[in-house]
Amino acid sequence: MRIATWNVNSIRSRVDRVTAWLERSDVDVLLMQETKAKDEQFPYLPFEGLGYEVAHHGLNQWNGVAIVSRVGLEDVSVGFPDLPGWGEPAAPEARAIGATCQGVRLWSLYVPNGRTLEDPHLEYKLHWLDVLRAQTQAWREAHPDLPLALGGDWNIAPQDDDVWDMAAFDGKTHVSPRERAAFQAFLDDGMVDVVRPHAPGPGVYTYWDYQQLAFPKRRGMRIDFVLGTPSLAERVTGAAIDREERKGKGASDHAPVVVELEDRV
């Protein structure tokens, strides 16, 4: 089974690119983030026409997550228990959706950005990750035999090699000790970064800003990850970041991250 995660940065603007990529890449399950659409605005038909089932969670023109699968889409969960909220009054955002696809539990996650080190949004981000970690532990305890993957835009660059120049990020989010510690906590709990061994850095990124010619200048960040349980990690036969999909007119500012899983009966 081939799974992928991709921050598409508006599915209505990029549906043709995403569906064309699915046809070329032969991906079975795609986890999408930042769809920027309400549920009724999501373009279901192009995906269904390719044989994919669709689960989408979107509340407004911001955020939004989806899973499209041609190998089954069962037990869909929108959000997770105790999901923190944001805003006045605080309300949960469309940042998490889960489903079971061919015996694998998959989550599409769009971790809050954090904005700046002084912004309350950073505390929201860290709280969101703490709750996600607790829920991940609960899921693993409740379903020890079910392979689990947390895929998506984590908005954290956990290693210095994951940004083009650490000096350029001095005093900024995504690389702060607290954010990196929150990411590391998942690894300390036994989750595995299943992509890095197959696509090691430095200079391996998943995101490039639209401004200041960041992409051609190779000024990127590695912030999109798939973390899997050991039972999932042992099935990984390959992984890659499709940098080519960042090129051309109408590209997302993120590239797809693809993981190959050995099929099990």
Protein backbone atom coordinates (compact mmCIF):
# COMPACT_ATOMS: atom_id res chain seq x y z
CA MET A 1 0.00 0.00 0.00
CA ARG A 2 1.24 3.45 -0.86
CA ILE A 3 0.21 6.33 1.42
CA ALA A 4 1.05 10.01 1.19
CA THR A 5 0.58 13.24 3.10
CA TRP A 6 0.34 16.65 1.45
CA ASN A 7 -0.54 20.14 2.57
CA VAL A 8 -2.36 21.18 -0.60
CA ASN A 9 -2.92 24.83 0.40
CA SER A 10 -6.49 25.10 -0.96
CA ILE A 11 -7.98 22.04 -2.61
CA ARG A 12 -10.40 24.08 -4.74
CA SER A 13 -7.47 25.92 -6.31
CA ARG A 14 -5.43 22.76 -6.85
CA VAL A 15 -7.86 19.91 -7.40
CA ASP A 16 -6.61 19.35 -10.95
CA ARG A 17 -2.99 19.17 -9.81
CA VAL A 18 -3.81 16.87 -6.91
CA THR A 19 -5.90 14.44 -8.95
CA ALA A 20 -3.32 14.41 -11.76
CA TRP A 21 -0.63 13.66 -9.21
CA LEU A 22 -2.69 10.82 -7.75
CA GLU A 23 -2.97 9.25 -11.19
CA ARG A 24 0.77 9.57 -11.82
CA SER A 25 1.91 8.49 -8.37
CA ASP A 26 -0.43 5.51 -7.94
CA VAL A 27 -1.07 6.45 -4.31
CA ASP A 28 -3.69 4.40 -2.48
CA VAL A 29 -4.37 6.81 0.39
CA LEU A 30 -3.71 10.55 0.49
CA LEU A 31 -3.84 12.57 3.69
CA MET A 32 -4.47 16.23 2.91
CA GLN A 33 -4.15 19.35 5.03
CA GLU A 34 -5.12 23.00 4.61
CA THR A 35 -7.96 22.22 2.22
CA LYS A 36 -9.45 25.65 3.01
CA ALA A 37 -13.00 24.49 2.34
CA LYS A 38 -16.20 23.74 4.16
CA ASP A 39 -17.43 20.17 3.78
CA GLU A 40 -20.03 21.24 1.21
CA GLN A 41 -17.34 23.05 -0.82
CA PHE A 42 -14.94 20.12 -1.13
CA PRO A 43 -14.64 18.81 -4.74
CA TYR A 44 -15.67 15.21 -4.08
CA LEU A 45 -16.53 14.18 -7.64
CA PRO A 46 -13.02 14.36 -9.20
CA PHE A 47 -11.68 12.02 -6.51
CA GLU A 48 -14.66 9.68 -6.62
CA GLY A 49 -14.26 9.55 -10.39
CA LEU A 50 -10.78 8.10 -9.84
CA GLY A 51 -12.12 5.47 -7.46
CA TYR A 52 -11.34 7.17 -4.16
CA GLU A 53 -13.63 7.44 -1.17
CA VAL A 54 -13.44 10.81 0.57
CA ALA A 55 -13.59 11.88 4.21
CA HIS A 56 -13.25 15.63 4.75
CA HIS A 57 -13.49 17.92 7.76
CA GLY A 58 -13.74 21.63 7.04
CA LEU A 59 -15.54 24.39 8.90
CA ASN A 60 -14.60 27.55 7.01
CA GLN A 61 -12.04 28.96 4.56
CA TRP A 62 -9.15 28.12 6.89
CA ASN A 63 -7.51 24.85 7.89
CA GLY A 64 -9.38 21.73 6.73
CA VAL A 65 -8.20 18.12 6.55
CA ALA A 66 -9.12 15.14 4.40
CA ILE A 67 -8.38 11.49 3.68
CA VAL A 68 -9.03 9.99 0.26
CA SER A 69 -8.64 6.24 -0.15
CA ARG A 70 -9.15 3.59 -2.82
CA VAL A 71 -8.48 0.74 -0.35
CA GLY A 72 -11.33 1.33 2.07
CA LEU A 73 -12.30 4.13 4.42
CA GLU A 74 -13.73 2.93 7.71
CA ASP A 75 -14.31 4.24 11.23
CA VAL A 76 -13.87 7.89 10.30
CA SER A 77 -13.15 10.14 13.29
CA VAL A 78 -13.41 13.92 13.10
CA GLY A 79 -11.05 15.47 15.61
CA PHE A 80 -10.03 13.67 18.78
CA PRO A 81 -11.21 13.73 22.41
CA ASP A 82 -10.37 16.86 24.40
CA LEU A 83 -9.30 18.67 21.22
CA PRO A 84 -8.22 22.19 22.23
CA GLY A 85 -9.98 25.15 20.71
CA TRP A 86 -8.95 28.56 19.44
CA GLY A 87 -10.66 31.92 19.09
CA GLU A 88 -13.18 33.97 21.07
CA PRO A 89 -14.94 31.96 22.26
CA ALA A 90 -12.49 29.07 21.91
CA ALA A 91 -13.73 26.39 19.51
CA PRO A 92 -12.09 23.32 17.95
CA GLU A 93 -10.69 23.84 14.46
CA ALA A 94 -10.68 21.46 11.48
CA ARG A 95 -7.19 20.10 12.05
CA ALA A 96 -7.54 16.34 12.50
CA ILE A 97 -9.34 13.48 10.79
CA GLY A 98 -8.73 9.75 11.15
CA ALA A 99 -9.81 6.62 9.29
CA THR A 100 -8.87 2.97 8.93
CA CYS A 101 -7.68 2.02 5.46
CA GLN A 102 -6.87 -1.60 4.65
CA GLY A 103 -6.17 -2.40 8.28
CA VAL A 104 -4.04 0.68 8.99
CA ARG A 105 -5.22 3.53 11.21
CA LEU A 106 -4.28 6.83 9.56
CA TRP A 107 -4.57 10.39 10.80
CA SER A 108 -4.32 13.53 8.71
CA LEU A 109 -3.08 16.31 11.00
CA TYR A 110 -2.60 20.02 10.53
CA VAL A 111 -0.75 21.18 13.63
CA PRO A 112 -1.30 24.85 14.55
CA ASN A 113 1.40 27.23 13.31
CA GLY A 114 2.23 29.01 16.55
CA ARG A 115 2.84 32.32 14.75
CA THR A 116 5.51 33.86 17.03
CA LEU A 117 7.21 32.89 20.27
CA GLU A 118 5.22 35.59 22.10
CA ASP A 119 1.83 34.83 20.56
CA PRO A 120 -0.83 32.91 22.53
CA HIS A 121 -1.14 30.74 19.42
CA LEU A 122 2.13 29.06 20.39
CA GLU A 123 0.64 27.94 23.71
CA TYR A 124 -2.36 26.65 21.78
CA LYS A 125 -0.01 24.73 19.48
CA LEU A 126 1.87 23.14 22.37
CA HIS A 127 -1.36 22.25 24.19
CA TRP A 128 -2.77 20.77 20.98
CA LEU A 129 0.32 18.56 20.61
CA ASP A 130 0.16 17.51 24.28
CA VAL A 131 -3.44 16.36 23.86
CA LEU A 132 -2.62 14.61 20.58
CA ARG A 133 0.21 12.78 22.30
CA ALA A 134 -2.05 11.65 25.14
CA GLN A 135 -4.69 10.46 22.68
CA THR A 136 -2.07 8.63 20.62
CA GLN A 137 -0.98 6.73 23.71
CA ALA A 138 -4.62 5.90 24.48
CA TRP A 139 -5.24 4.66 20.92
CA ARG A 140 -2.15 2.48 21.04
CA GLU A 141 -3.16 0.95 24.36
CA ALA A 142 -6.71 0.32 23.17
CA HIS A 143 -5.63 -1.18 19.82
CA PRO A 144 -2.12 -2.61 20.27
CA ASP A 145 -2.31 -4.74 17.12
CA LEU A 146 -3.53 -1.98 14.79
CA PRO A 147 -0.75 -0.18 12.88
CA LEU A 148 -1.07 3.57 13.33
CA ALA A 149 0.36 6.52 11.40
CA LEU A 150 0.19 10.21 12.21
CA GLY A 151 0.76 12.07 8.96
CA GLY A 152 0.60 15.71 8.12
CA ASP A 153 1.96 19.21 8.44
CA TRP A 154 3.52 19.33 11.90
CA ASN A 155 4.74 22.92 11.59
CA ILE A 156 7.94 21.90 13.40
CA ALA A 157 11.44 21.42 12.02
CA PRO A 158 12.82 19.04 14.66
CA GLN A 159 16.47 19.07 13.56
CA ASP A 160 18.85 21.84 12.49
CA ASP A 161 19.23 20.10 9.13
CA ASP A 162 15.49 20.56 8.60
CA VAL A 163 15.86 24.27 7.78
CA TRP A 164 18.02 25.89 5.14
CA ASP A 165 19.78 28.20 7.61
CA MET A 166 19.33 28.11 11.39
CA ALA A 167 20.51 31.73 11.63
CA ALA A 168 17.49 32.79 9.58
CA PHE A 169 15.19 31.23 12.20
CA ASP A 170 16.76 32.78 15.27
CA GLY A 171 13.97 33.73 17.68
CA LYS A 172 11.24 32.22 15.51
CA THR A 173 8.75 29.41 15.81
CA HIS A 174 9.07 25.94 14.26
CA VAL A 175 12.60 25.48 15.64
CA SER A 176 12.18 26.59 19.27
CA PRO A 177 13.24 24.19 22.04
CA ARG A 178 9.67 23.80 23.31
CA GLU A 179 8.29 22.89 19.90
CA ARG A 180 11.10 20.48 19.20
CA ALA A 181 10.61 18.88 22.62
CA ALA A 182 6.90 18.41 21.83
CA PHE A 183 7.80 16.60 18.60
CA GLN A 184 10.51 14.54 20.30
CA ALA A 185 8.02 13.40 22.93
CA PHE A 186 6.21 11.36 20.27
CA LEU A 187 9.48 9.64 19.35
CA ASP A 188 10.26 9.04 23.02
CA ASP A 189 6.88 7.30 23.28
CA GLY A 190 7.97 4.88 20.55
CA MET A 191 6.57 6.53 17.43
CA VAL A 192 8.95 6.34 14.46
CA ASP A 193 9.75 8.93 11.78
CA VAL A 194 9.37 6.46 8.91
CA VAL A 195 10.49 8.81 6.13
CA ARG A 196 13.82 10.20 7.34
CA PRO A 197 15.78 6.91 7.03
CA HIS A 198 14.84 6.77 3.34
CA ALA A 199 15.24 10.52 2.68
CA PRO A 200 17.97 11.79 5.00
CA GLY A 201 19.20 15.39 5.06
CA PRO A 202 20.66 17.88 5.00
CA GLY A 203 18.93 19.83 2.29
CA VAL A 204 15.81 17.65 2.23
CA TYR A 205 12.71 19.80 2.66
CA THR A 206 8.93 19.59 2.30
CA TYR A 207 8.02 23.30 2.34
CA TRP A 208 9.32 26.38 0.54
CA ASP A 209 7.81 29.83 0.97
CA TYR A 210 6.34 31.52 -2.11
CA GLN A 211 8.33 34.67 -1.35
CA GLN A 212 11.92 35.67 -2.25
CA LEU A 213 12.49 32.79 -4.67
CA ALA A 214 12.75 30.37 -1.77
CA PHE A 215 12.21 27.27 -3.89
CA PRO A 216 14.82 27.84 -6.62
CA LYS A 217 17.24 29.04 -3.94
CA ARG A 218 16.62 25.82 -1.97
CA ARG A 219 15.59 27.77 1.12
CA GLY A 220 13.17 25.27 2.55
CA MET A 221 11.97 23.56 5.70
CA ARG A 222 11.18 19.97 6.56
CA ILE A 223 7.92 20.18 8.50
CA ASP A 224 5.74 17.43 6.99
CA PHE A 225 6.13 14.00 8.57
CA VAL A 226 4.66 10.53 8.94
CA LEU A 227 5.16 9.08 12.42
CA GLY A 228 4.25 5.43 12.76
CA THR A 229 4.00 2.83 15.45
CA PRO A 230 6.70 0.13 15.39
CA SER A 231 4.23 -2.31 13.79
CA LEU A 232 3.75 0.15 10.94
CA ALA A 233 7.43 1.13 10.70
CA GLU A 234 8.47 -2.49 10.17
CA ARG A 235 6.29 -2.60 7.06
CA VAL A 236 7.87 0.47 5.42
CA THR A 237 9.85 -0.50 2.33
CA GLY A 238 10.55 2.99 1.04
CA ALA A 239 9.70 6.66 1.36
CA ALA A 240 10.34 9.86 -0.57
CA ILE A 241 9.48 13.55 -0.86
CA ASP A 242 8.17 14.45 -4.31
CA ARG A 243 10.02 17.73 -4.74
CA GLU A 244 9.03 17.90 -8.41
CA GLU A 245 5.43 18.60 -7.43
CA ARG A 246 6.50 21.92 -5.87
CA LYS A 247 7.44 23.14 -9.35
CA GLY A 248 5.32 24.86 -11.94
CA LYS A 249 2.28 27.08 -12.06
CA GLY A 250 -0.26 26.71 -9.28
CA ALA A 251 1.87 24.52 -7.02
CA SER A 252 1.26 24.22 -3.31
CA ASP A 253 4.07 25.54 -1.15
CA HIS A 254 4.43 22.01 0.25
CA ALA A 255 5.52 18.81 -1.52
CA PRO A 256 3.86 15.40 -1.10
CA VAL A 257 5.56 12.90 1.22
CA VAL A 258 5.08 9.29 0.10
CA VAL A 259 5.49 6.09 2.12
CA GLU A 260 5.50 2.54 0.73
CA LEU A 261 4.05 -0.16 3.00
CA GLU A 262 4.41 -3.89 2.57
CA ASP A 263 0.96 -5.41 2.21
CA ARG A 264 -0.14 -7.86 4.88
CA VAL A 265 -2.94 -10.38 4.60
